[in-house]
Amino acid sequence: MMKKILLLLTVLVLSVSVIGCQKDAVVDNEEDKEIVVGVSFFPMKEILELVKDDLKEDGYDIKIEEFTDYQTPNNLLKNNELDANMIQHDYFLQSFNDANDAKLVTIQPLYHATFALYSQDLTSIDDIENGTSITMPDDATNFSRALHLLGQAGLLTFKDDKTVGLTVEDIDSNPKELVFEDQVPLTSLAQRYTETGIAVMYPTYAKSLELEGEEQRLYVEEQDSVTEGYAISLVSRDDNKDSEKMKVLKKHLTSDKVRQFLIDEYSWASSPAF
């Protein structure tokens, strides 16, 4: 009789345990329906807000985490604390991976950011005087991109036709003897430009200057096989790149609605990459 009672109690305990585990599994499954995405600048938050209801219809909630830098959202993504982020292009991603032994991957290019040489006074590349100092971004990736732009403009050529990871040491010819020692962070370029009068920068960071259209743009970067890699993209990890979350998010981020939003609201600084 005692054995039967003990057996019955054991069965009851196991049953409760199984139910508890099943309940936990449901909770975990519900939590898995939340997509956590890191953003740093306009218009990524706005784009996610735009597709929020569409994601909801597919059974997913979106949680937007905002940052003021680019390193933190990549670190959090690497450590599984974000599902994805929308802060960077592929060259920056590769640089982060190499430096941090990470496995971040590009899921979908979203838009090409306009990049241009600005001048307060000049109206033609030909008007640039010999020995002119041009204000440049101070980070390696965007400094290389700025040099490539100046190469497109016919102001520089590079050794071995190098196109990526450019430094001043890679310059083969510099007929106007341009100087690139004035380097500042992207977020400081607009302010510095008001002092120097000539700089390579993004319209997004030049927004404080209240320029209209292509005002003061001396030369605008052309799309080529190199600049394709500079498209700002949806990024995740190698271990979740094929997840249902990423498939659903990619589907909605490449919708006609998002493309039209980029055209209507952000064509002054970008063009859609899909």
C-alpha atoms as a PDB file:
ATOM      1  CA  MET A   1       0.000   0.000   0.000  1.00  0.00           C
ATOM      2  CA  MET A   2       2.798   2.395   0.951  1.00  0.00           C
ATOM      3  CA  LYS A   3       4.556   1.599  -2.360  1.00  0.00           C
ATOM      4  CA  LYS A   4       1.380   2.490  -4.255  1.00  0.00           C
ATOM      5  CA  ILE A   5       1.094   5.825  -2.421  1.00  0.00           C
ATOM      6  CA  LEU A   6       4.723   6.648  -3.121  1.00  0.00           C
ATOM      7  CA  LEU A   7       4.260   5.716  -6.789  1.00  0.00           C
ATOM      8  CA  LEU A   8       1.180   7.928  -7.006  1.00  0.00           C
ATOM      9  CA  LEU A   9       3.021  10.869  -5.453  1.00  0.00           C
ATOM     10  CA  THR A  10       5.916  10.386  -7.843  1.00  0.00           C
ATOM     11  CA  VAL A  11       3.542  10.435 -10.817  1.00  0.00           C
ATOM     12  CA  LEU A  12       1.886  13.624  -9.539  1.00  0.00           C
ATOM     13  CA  VAL A  13       5.249  15.379  -9.039  1.00  0.00           C
ATOM     14  CA  LEU A  14       6.403  14.404 -12.528  1.00  0.00           C
ATOM     15  CA  SER A  15       3.114  15.597 -13.987  1.00  0.00           C
ATOM     16  CA  VAL A  16       3.440  18.984 -12.325  1.00  0.00           C
ATOM     17  CA  SER A  17       7.039  19.221 -13.561  1.00  0.00           C
ATOM     18  CA  VAL A  18       5.998  18.455 -17.123  1.00  0.00           C
ATOM     19  CA  ILE A  19       3.209  21.009 -16.982  1.00  0.00           C
ATOM     20  CA  GLY A  20       5.631  23.563 -15.586  1.00  0.00           C
ATOM     21  CA  CYS A  21       8.094  22.877 -18.384  1.00  0.00           C
ATOM     22  CA  GLN A  22       5.339  23.145 -20.964  1.00  0.00           C
ATOM     23  CA  LYS A  23       4.268  26.466 -19.477  1.00  0.00           C
ATOM     24  CA  ASP A  24       7.865  27.730 -19.627  1.00  0.00           C
ATOM     25  CA  ALA A  25       8.103  26.631 -23.253  1.00  0.00           C
ATOM     26  CA  VAL A  26       5.023  28.672 -24.116  1.00  0.00           C
ATOM     27  CA  VAL A  27       6.491  31.716 -22.385  1.00  0.00           C
ATOM     28  CA  ASP A  28       9.769  31.276 -24.248  1.00  0.00           C
ATOM     29  CA  ASN A  29       7.875  30.936 -27.511  1.00  0.00           C
ATOM     30  CA  GLU A  30       5.932  34.108 -26.779  1.00  0.00           C
ATOM     31  CA  GLU A  31       9.142  35.974 -25.980  1.00  0.00           C
ATOM     32  CA  ASP A  32      10.631  34.733 -29.243  1.00  0.00           C
ATOM     33  CA  LYS A  33       7.967  36.756 -31.067  1.00  0.00           C
ATOM     34  CA  GLU A  34       9.704  39.994 -30.077  1.00  0.00           C
ATOM     35  CA  ILE A  35      12.320  41.337 -32.505  1.00  0.00           C
ATOM     36  CA  VAL A  36      14.835  43.645 -30.802  1.00  0.00           C
ATOM     37  CA  VAL A  37      16.587  45.994 -33.225  1.00  0.00           C
ATOM     38  CA  GLY A  38      19.265  48.606 -32.534  1.00  0.00           C
ATOM     39  CA  VAL A  39      19.269  51.943 -34.380  1.00  0.00           C
ATOM     40  CA  SER A  40      21.410  55.075 -34.158  1.00  0.00           C
ATOM     41  CA  PHE A  41      20.234  57.670 -36.669  1.00  0.00           C
ATOM     42  CA  PHE A  42      17.372  58.906 -38.849  1.00  0.00           C
ATOM     43  CA  PRO A  43      15.410  57.357 -40.495  1.00  0.00           C
ATOM     44  CA  MET A  44      15.856  53.851 -39.095  1.00  0.00           C
ATOM     45  CA  LYS A  45      13.565  54.281 -36.089  1.00  0.00           C
ATOM     46  CA  GLU A  46      10.959  55.875 -38.354  1.00  0.00           C
ATOM     47  CA  ILE A  47      11.178  52.969 -40.807  1.00  0.00           C
ATOM     48  CA  LEU A  48      10.671  50.423 -38.043  1.00  0.00           C
ATOM     49  CA  GLU A  49       7.705  52.396 -36.718  1.00  0.00           C
ATOM     50  CA  LEU A  50       6.332  52.387 -40.262  1.00  0.00           C
ATOM     51  CA  VAL A  51       6.299  48.566 -40.457  1.00  0.00           C
ATOM     52  CA  LYS A  52       5.385  47.952 -36.820  1.00  0.00           C
ATOM     53  CA  ASP A  53       1.742  47.073 -37.551  1.00  0.00           C
ATOM     54  CA  ASP A  54       2.719  44.918 -40.532  1.00  0.00           C
ATOM     55  CA  LEU A  55       5.039  42.900 -38.314  1.00  0.00           C
ATOM     56  CA  LYS A  56       2.239  42.633 -35.751  1.00  0.00           C
ATOM     57  CA  GLU A  57      -0.002  41.056 -38.389  1.00  0.00           C
ATOM     58  CA  ASP A  58       2.684  38.417 -38.891  1.00  0.00           C
ATOM     59  CA  GLY A  59       2.748  37.748 -35.163  1.00  0.00           C
ATOM     60  CA  TYR A  60       5.824  39.763 -34.200  1.00  0.00           C
ATOM     61  CA  ASP A  61       6.357  42.746 -31.919  1.00  0.00           C
ATOM     62  CA  ILE A  62       9.221  45.134 -32.615  1.00  0.00           C
ATOM     63  CA  LYS A  63      11.336  46.608 -29.832  1.00  0.00           C
ATOM     64  CA  ILE A  64      13.527  49.525 -30.891  1.00  0.00           C
ATOM     65  CA  GLU A  65      16.702  50.228 -28.940  1.00  0.00           C
ATOM     66  CA  GLU A  66      18.315  53.614 -29.688  1.00  0.00           C
ATOM     67  CA  PHE A  67      22.033  54.350 -29.409  1.00  0.00           C
ATOM     68  CA  THR A  68      24.274  57.359 -29.902  1.00  0.00           C
ATOM     69  CA  ASP A  69      27.246  55.368 -31.164  1.00  0.00           C
ATOM     70  CA  TYR A  70      27.965  52.429 -33.466  1.00  0.00           C
ATOM     71  CA  GLN A  71      30.151  50.219 -31.287  1.00  0.00           C
ATOM     72  CA  THR A  72      27.575  49.504 -28.584  1.00  0.00           C
ATOM     73  CA  PRO A  73      24.814  48.112 -30.847  1.00  0.00           C
ATOM     74  CA  ASN A  74      27.378  45.869 -32.545  1.00  0.00           C
ATOM     75  CA  ASN A  75      28.675  44.599 -29.215  1.00  0.00           C
ATOM     76  CA  LEU A  76      25.136  43.882 -28.038  1.00  0.00           C
ATOM     77  CA  LEU A  77      24.292  42.123 -31.292  1.00  0.00           C
ATOM     78  CA  LYS A  78      27.425  39.997 -31.022  1.00  0.00           C
ATOM     79  CA  ASN A  79      26.450  39.067 -27.433  1.00  0.00           C
ATOM     80  CA  ASN A  80      22.906  38.030 -28.426  1.00  0.00           C
ATOM     81  CA  GLU A  81      21.321  41.011 -26.664  1.00  0.00           C
ATOM     82  CA  LEU A  82      19.906  42.318 -29.944  1.00  0.00           C
ATOM     83  CA  ASP A  83      18.368  40.367 -32.803  1.00  0.00           C
ATOM     84  CA  ALA A  84      19.601  42.840 -35.405  1.00  0.00           C
ATOM     85  CA  ASN A  85      20.734  46.393 -35.963  1.00  0.00           C
ATOM     86  CA  MET A  86      20.433  48.987 -38.723  1.00  0.00           C
ATOM     87  CA  ILE A  87      23.463  51.225 -38.236  1.00  0.00           C
ATOM     88  CA  GLN A  88      26.186  50.327 -40.727  1.00  0.00           C
ATOM     89  CA  HIS A  89      27.475  49.332 -44.131  1.00  0.00           C
ATOM     90  CA  ASP A  90      29.310  46.121 -44.993  1.00  0.00           C
ATOM     91  CA  TYR A  91      32.819  47.608 -44.810  1.00  0.00           C
ATOM     92  CA  PHE A  92      32.240  48.832 -41.250  1.00  0.00           C
ATOM     93  CA  LEU A  93      30.766  45.438 -40.378  1.00  0.00           C
ATOM     94  CA  GLN A  94      33.810  43.588 -41.694  1.00  0.00           C
ATOM     95  CA  SER A  95      36.110  45.914 -39.775  1.00  0.00           C
ATOM     96  CA  PHE A  96      34.164  45.225 -36.567  1.00  0.00           C
ATOM     97  CA  ASN A  97      34.236  41.469 -37.171  1.00  0.00           C
ATOM     98  CA  ASP A  98      37.984  41.468 -37.715  1.00  0.00           C
ATOM     99  CA  ALA A  99      38.661  43.537 -34.602  1.00  0.00           C
ATOM    100  CA  ASN A 100      36.277  41.669 -32.314  1.00  0.00           C
ATOM    101  CA  ASP A 101      36.293  38.078 -33.578  1.00  0.00           C
ATOM    102  CA  ALA A 102      32.598  38.511 -34.354  1.00  0.00           C
ATOM    103  CA  LYS A 103      30.324  36.921 -36.953  1.00  0.00           C
ATOM    104  CA  LEU A 104      27.919  39.704 -37.882  1.00  0.00           C
ATOM    105  CA  VAL A 105      26.406  39.407 -41.356  1.00  0.00           C
ATOM    106  CA  THR A 106      24.556  41.698 -43.739  1.00  0.00           C
ATOM    107  CA  ILE A 107      20.966  40.572 -44.226  1.00  0.00           C
ATOM    108  CA  GLN A 108      19.704  43.297 -46.554  1.00  0.00           C
ATOM    109  CA  PRO A 109      21.056  46.592 -47.929  1.00  0.00           C
ATOM    110  CA  LEU A 110      18.466  49.310 -47.249  1.00  0.00           C
ATOM    111  CA  TYR A 111      19.740  52.569 -48.707  1.00  0.00           C
ATOM    112  CA  HIS A 112      22.761  54.266 -50.209  1.00  0.00           C
ATOM    113  CA  ALA A 113      23.720  57.352 -48.216  1.00  0.00           C
ATOM    114  CA  THR A 114      24.702  60.324 -50.347  1.00  0.00           C
ATOM    115  CA  PHE A 115      28.363  61.269 -49.867  1.00  0.00           C
ATOM    116  CA  ALA A 116      29.723  64.489 -51.282  1.00  0.00           C
ATOM    117  CA  LEU A 117      32.512  67.043 -51.427  1.00  0.00           C
ATOM    118  CA  TYR A 118      31.075  70.329 -50.183  1.00  0.00           C
ATOM    119  CA  SER A 119      32.396  73.835 -50.742  1.00  0.00           C
ATOM    120  CA  GLN A 120      31.055  77.139 -49.487  1.00  0.00           C
ATOM    121  CA  ASP A 121      32.639  79.195 -52.258  1.00  0.00           C
ATOM    122  CA  LEU A 122      33.615  77.030 -55.234  1.00  0.00           C
ATOM    123  CA  THR A 123      31.314  75.908 -58.039  1.00  0.00           C
ATOM    124  CA  SER A 124      33.642  73.557 -59.946  1.00  0.00           C
ATOM    125  CA  ILE A 125      36.285  70.935 -59.167  1.00  0.00           C
ATOM    126  CA  ASP A 126      38.594  72.874 -61.457  1.00  0.00           C
ATOM    127  CA  ASP A 127      38.407  75.854 -59.090  1.00  0.00           C
ATOM    128  CA  ILE A 128      40.135  73.975 -56.253  1.00  0.00           C
ATOM    129  CA  GLU A 129      43.519  75.629 -55.725  1.00  0.00           C
ATOM    130  CA  ASN A 130      46.803  73.796 -55.337  1.00  0.00           C
ATOM    131  CA  GLY A 131      47.607  72.948 -51.732  1.00  0.00           C
ATOM    132  CA  THR A 132      43.963  73.134 -50.560  1.00  0.00           C
ATOM    133  CA  SER A 133      43.291  71.420 -47.231  1.00  0.00           C
ATOM    134  CA  ILE A 134      40.107  69.354 -47.345  1.00  0.00           C
ATOM    135  CA  THR A 135      38.359  68.433 -44.086  1.00  0.00           C
ATOM    136  CA  MET A 136      37.831  64.671 -43.900  1.00  0.00           C
ATOM    137  CA  PRO A 137      36.145  62.082 -41.624  1.00  0.00           C
ATOM    138  CA  ASP A 138      38.589  60.807 -39.022  1.00  0.00           C
ATOM    139  CA  ASP A 139      37.547  57.142 -38.944  1.00  0.00           C
ATOM    140  CA  ALA A 140      39.423  54.775 -41.242  1.00  0.00           C
ATOM    141  CA  THR A 141      36.386  53.494 -43.170  1.00  0.00           C
ATOM    142  CA  ASN A 142      34.917  56.859 -44.083  1.00  0.00           C
ATOM    143  CA  PHE A 143      38.356  58.395 -44.666  1.00  0.00           C
ATOM    144  CA  SER A 144      38.947  55.679 -47.268  1.00  0.00           C
ATOM    145  CA  ARG A 145      35.537  56.366 -48.784  1.00  0.00           C
ATOM    146  CA  ALA A 146      36.328  60.093 -48.975  1.00  0.00           C
ATOM    147  CA  LEU A 147      39.610  59.371 -50.768  1.00  0.00           C
ATOM    148  CA  HIS A 148      37.758  57.102 -53.205  1.00  0.00           C
ATOM    149  CA  LEU A 149      35.268  59.917 -53.884  1.00  0.00           C
ATOM    150  CA  LEU A 150      38.117  62.317 -54.639  1.00  0.00           C
ATOM    151  CA  GLY A 151      39.515  59.671 -56.952  1.00  0.00           C
ATOM    152  CA  GLN A 152      36.186  59.468 -58.757  1.00  0.00           C
ATOM    153  CA  ALA A 153      36.324  63.252 -59.126  1.00  0.00           C
ATOM    154  CA  GLY A 154      39.668  62.950 -60.882  1.00  0.00           C
ATOM    155  CA  LEU A 155      41.639  64.628 -58.105  1.00  0.00           C
ATOM    156  CA  LEU A 156      43.608  61.548 -57.019  1.00  0.00           C
ATOM    157  CA  THR A 157      44.814  58.190 -58.297  1.00  0.00           C
ATOM    158  CA  PHE A 158      45.906  55.229 -56.196  1.00  0.00           C
ATOM    159  CA  LYS A 159      48.671  52.662 -56.286  1.00  0.00           C
ATOM    160  CA  ASP A 160      47.756  49.290 -57.775  1.00  0.00           C
ATOM    161  CA  ASP A 161      44.247  50.671 -58.467  1.00  0.00           C
ATOM    162  CA  LYS A 162      43.379  50.107 -54.802  1.00  0.00           C
ATOM    163  CA  THR A 163      39.794  51.075 -53.905  1.00  0.00           C
ATOM    164  CA  VAL A 164      39.101  49.954 -50.320  1.00  0.00           C
ATOM    165  CA  GLY A 165      40.995  50.574 -47.089  1.00  0.00           C
ATOM    166  CA  LEU A 166      42.673  53.604 -48.611  1.00  0.00           C
ATOM    167  CA  THR A 167      45.118  55.783 -46.691  1.00  0.00           C
ATOM    168  CA  VAL A 168      47.265  58.717 -47.772  1.00  0.00           C
ATOM    169  CA  GLU A 169      50.110  56.229 -48.310  1.00  0.00           C
ATOM    170  CA  ASP A 170      48.075  54.646 -51.119  1.00  0.00           C
ATOM    171  CA  ILE A 171      47.892  57.869 -53.136  1.00  0.00           C
ATOM    172  CA  ASP A 172      49.808  57.531 -56.393  1.00  0.00           C
ATOM    173  CA  SER A 173      49.160  60.977 -57.863  1.00  0.00           C
ATOM    174  CA  ASN A 174      47.847  64.176 -56.295  1.00  0.00           C
ATOM    175  CA  PRO A 175      48.260  66.862 -58.996  1.00  0.00           C
ATOM    176  CA  LYS A 176      46.761  69.653 -56.875  1.00  0.00           C
ATOM    177  CA  GLU A 177      48.823  68.632 -53.826  1.00  0.00           C
ATOM    178  CA  LEU A 178      45.696  68.438 -51.701  1.00  0.00           C
ATOM    179  CA  VAL A 179      46.170  68.152 -47.939  1.00  0.00           C
ATOM    180  CA  PHE A 180      44.164  65.753 -45.736  1.00  0.00           C
ATOM    181  CA  GLU A 181      45.490  66.427 -42.258  1.00  0.00           C
ATOM    182  CA  ASP A 182      42.279  68.092 -41.016  1.00  0.00           C
ATOM    183  CA  GLN A 183      40.266  65.090 -39.833  1.00  0.00           C
ATOM    184  CA  VAL A 184      37.292  65.182 -37.443  1.00  0.00           C
ATOM    185  CA  PRO A 185      34.490  62.788 -36.352  1.00  0.00           C
ATOM    186  CA  LEU A 186      31.476  62.505 -38.654  1.00  0.00           C
ATOM    187  CA  THR A 187      29.294  64.309 -36.149  1.00  0.00           C
ATOM    188  CA  SER A 188      31.705  67.289 -36.090  1.00  0.00           C
ATOM    189  CA  LEU A 189      32.151  67.685 -39.851  1.00  0.00           C
ATOM    190  CA  ALA A 190      29.370  70.237 -40.348  1.00  0.00           C
ATOM    191  CA  GLN A 191      30.712  72.529 -37.636  1.00  0.00           C
ATOM    192  CA  ARG A 192      34.259  72.187 -38.918  1.00  0.00           C
ATOM    193  CA  TYR A 193      33.038  72.869 -42.450  1.00  0.00           C
ATOM    194  CA  THR A 194      31.742  76.282 -41.385  1.00  0.00           C
ATOM    195  CA  GLU A 195      35.336  77.090 -40.444  1.00  0.00           C
ATOM    196  CA  THR A 196      37.289  75.494 -43.322  1.00  0.00           C
ATOM    197  CA  GLY A 197      34.819  75.956 -46.183  1.00  0.00           C
ATOM    198  CA  ILE A 198      35.518  72.611 -47.886  1.00  0.00           C
ATOM    199  CA  ALA A 199      34.837  69.079 -46.621  1.00  0.00           C
ATOM    200  CA  VAL A 200      33.730  65.593 -47.583  1.00  0.00           C
ATOM    201  CA  MET A 201      30.619  64.630 -45.606  1.00  0.00           C
ATOM    202  CA  TYR A 202      27.144  63.099 -45.572  1.00  0.00           C
ATOM    203  CA  PRO A 203      24.060  65.322 -45.981  1.00  0.00           C
ATOM    204  CA  THR A 204      22.642  63.708 -42.844  1.00  0.00           C
ATOM    205  CA  TYR A 205      25.454  65.176 -40.771  1.00  0.00           C
ATOM    206  CA  ALA A 206      25.244  68.443 -42.693  1.00  0.00           C
ATOM    207  CA  LYS A 207      21.553  68.868 -41.865  1.00  0.00           C
ATOM    208  CA  SER A 208      22.354  71.511 -39.250  1.00  0.00           C
ATOM    209  CA  LEU A 209      23.663  73.735 -42.071  1.00  0.00           C
ATOM    210  CA  GLU A 210      20.096  73.945 -43.477  1.00  0.00           C
ATOM    211  CA  LEU A 211      21.292  73.524 -47.061  1.00  0.00           C
ATOM    212  CA  GLU A 212      18.642  72.968 -49.719  1.00  0.00           C
ATOM    213  CA  GLY A 213      18.877  70.144 -52.246  1.00  0.00           C
ATOM    214  CA  GLU A 214      22.354  69.927 -53.760  1.00  0.00           C
ATOM    215  CA  GLU A 215      23.396  73.342 -52.473  1.00  0.00           C
ATOM    216  CA  GLN A 216      27.184  73.603 -51.961  1.00  0.00           C
ATOM    217  CA  ARG A 217      27.771  70.055 -53.252  1.00  0.00           C
ATOM    218  CA  LEU A 218      30.859  70.338 -55.438  1.00  0.00           C
ATOM    219  CA  TYR A 219      30.961  66.650 -56.325  1.00  0.00           C
ATOM    220  CA  VAL A 220      28.635  63.766 -55.416  1.00  0.00           C
ATOM    221  CA  GLU A 221      29.865  60.180 -55.097  1.00  0.00           C
ATOM    222  CA  GLU A 222      28.919  57.943 -58.025  1.00  0.00           C
ATOM    223  CA  GLN A 223      27.545  54.438 -57.529  1.00  0.00           C
ATOM    224  CA  ASP A 224      30.050  51.755 -58.526  1.00  0.00           C
ATOM    225  CA  SER A 225      31.116  48.278 -57.413  1.00  0.00           C
ATOM    226  CA  VAL A 226      32.988  49.809 -54.459  1.00  0.00           C
ATOM    227  CA  THR A 227      30.270  52.135 -53.194  1.00  0.00           C
ATOM    228  CA  GLU A 228      27.654  49.341 -53.373  1.00  0.00           C
ATOM    229  CA  GLY A 229      29.312  47.967 -50.236  1.00  0.00           C
ATOM    230  CA  TYR A 230      28.599  51.221 -48.404  1.00  0.00           C
ATOM    231  CA  ALA A 231      24.825  50.684 -48.396  1.00  0.00           C
ATOM    232  CA  ILE A 232      23.381  51.054 -44.879  1.00  0.00           C
ATOM    233  CA  SER A 233      21.983  47.629 -44.083  1.00  0.00           C
ATOM    234  CA  LEU A 234      19.985  45.350 -41.835  1.00  0.00           C
ATOM    235  CA  VAL A 235      22.571  43.281 -39.959  1.00  0.00           C
ATOM    236  CA  SER A 236      22.302  40.220 -37.731  1.00  0.00           C
ATOM    237  CA  ARG A 237      24.531  37.311 -36.693  1.00  0.00           C
ATOM    238  CA  ASP A 238      25.582  34.245 -38.611  1.00  0.00           C
ATOM    239  CA  ASP A 239      23.630  32.074 -36.155  1.00  0.00           C
ATOM    240  CA  ASN A 240      20.291  33.846 -36.702  1.00  0.00           C
ATOM    241  CA  LYS A 241      20.571  35.109 -40.296  1.00  0.00           C
ATOM    242  CA  ASP A 242      18.142  32.434 -41.555  1.00  0.00           C
ATOM    243  CA  SER A 243      15.700  32.701 -38.653  1.00  0.00           C
ATOM    244  CA  GLU A 244      12.019  33.375 -39.180  1.00  0.00           C
ATOM    245  CA  LYS A 245      12.477  36.706 -37.403  1.00  0.00           C
ATOM    246  CA  MET A 246      14.980  37.898 -39.989  1.00  0.00           C
ATOM    247  CA  LYS A 247      12.910  36.611 -42.890  1.00  0.00           C
ATOM    248  CA  VAL A 248       9.835  38.484 -41.696  1.00  0.00           C
ATOM    249  CA  LEU A 249      11.778  41.647 -40.869  1.00  0.00           C
ATOM    250  CA  LYS A 250      13.536  41.624 -44.245  1.00  0.00           C
ATOM    251  CA  LYS A 251      10.207  41.142 -46.031  1.00  0.00           C
ATOM    252  CA  HIS A 252       8.684  44.231 -44.473  1.00  0.00           C
ATOM    253  CA  LEU A 253      11.801  46.409 -44.665  1.00  0.00           C
ATOM    254  CA  THR A 254      11.945  45.848 -48.434  1.00  0.00           C
ATOM    255  CA  SER A 255       8.270  46.596 -49.018  1.00  0.00           C
ATOM    256  CA  ASP A 256       6.982  49.197 -51.476  1.00  0.00           C
ATOM    257  CA  LYS A 257       5.851  51.190 -48.437  1.00  0.00           C
ATOM    258  CA  VAL A 258       9.404  51.520 -47.099  1.00  0.00           C
ATOM    259  CA  ARG A 259      10.878  52.235 -50.518  1.00  0.00           C
ATOM    260  CA  GLN A 260       8.377  55.050 -51.066  1.00  0.00           C
ATOM    261  CA  PHE A 261       9.085  56.427 -47.600  1.00  0.00           C
ATOM    262  CA  LEU A 262      12.792  56.637 -48.422  1.00  0.00           C
ATOM    263  CA  ILE A 263      12.003  58.422 -51.683  1.00  0.00           C
ATOM    264  CA  ASP A 264       9.533  60.848 -50.125  1.00  0.00           C
ATOM    265  CA  GLU A 265      11.271  61.570 -46.828  1.00  0.00           C
ATOM    266  CA  TYR A 266      14.962  60.902 -47.355  1.00  0.00           C
ATOM    267  CA  SER A 267      15.846  61.422 -51.019  1.00  0.00           C
ATOM    268  CA  TRP A 268      17.775  64.566 -50.006  1.00  0.00           C
ATOM    269  CA  ALA A 269      20.370  62.303 -48.414  1.00  0.00           C
ATOM    270  CA  SER A 270      19.948  58.798 -49.850  1.00  0.00           C
ATOM    271  CA  SER A 271      18.529  56.452 -52.476  1.00  0.00           C
ATOM    272  CA  PRO A 272      16.875  53.036 -51.875  1.00  0.00           C
ATOM    273  CA  ALA A 273      19.156  50.012 -52.175  1.00  0.00           C
ATOM    274  CA  PHE A 274      16.374  47.542 -53.022  1.00  0.00           C
END
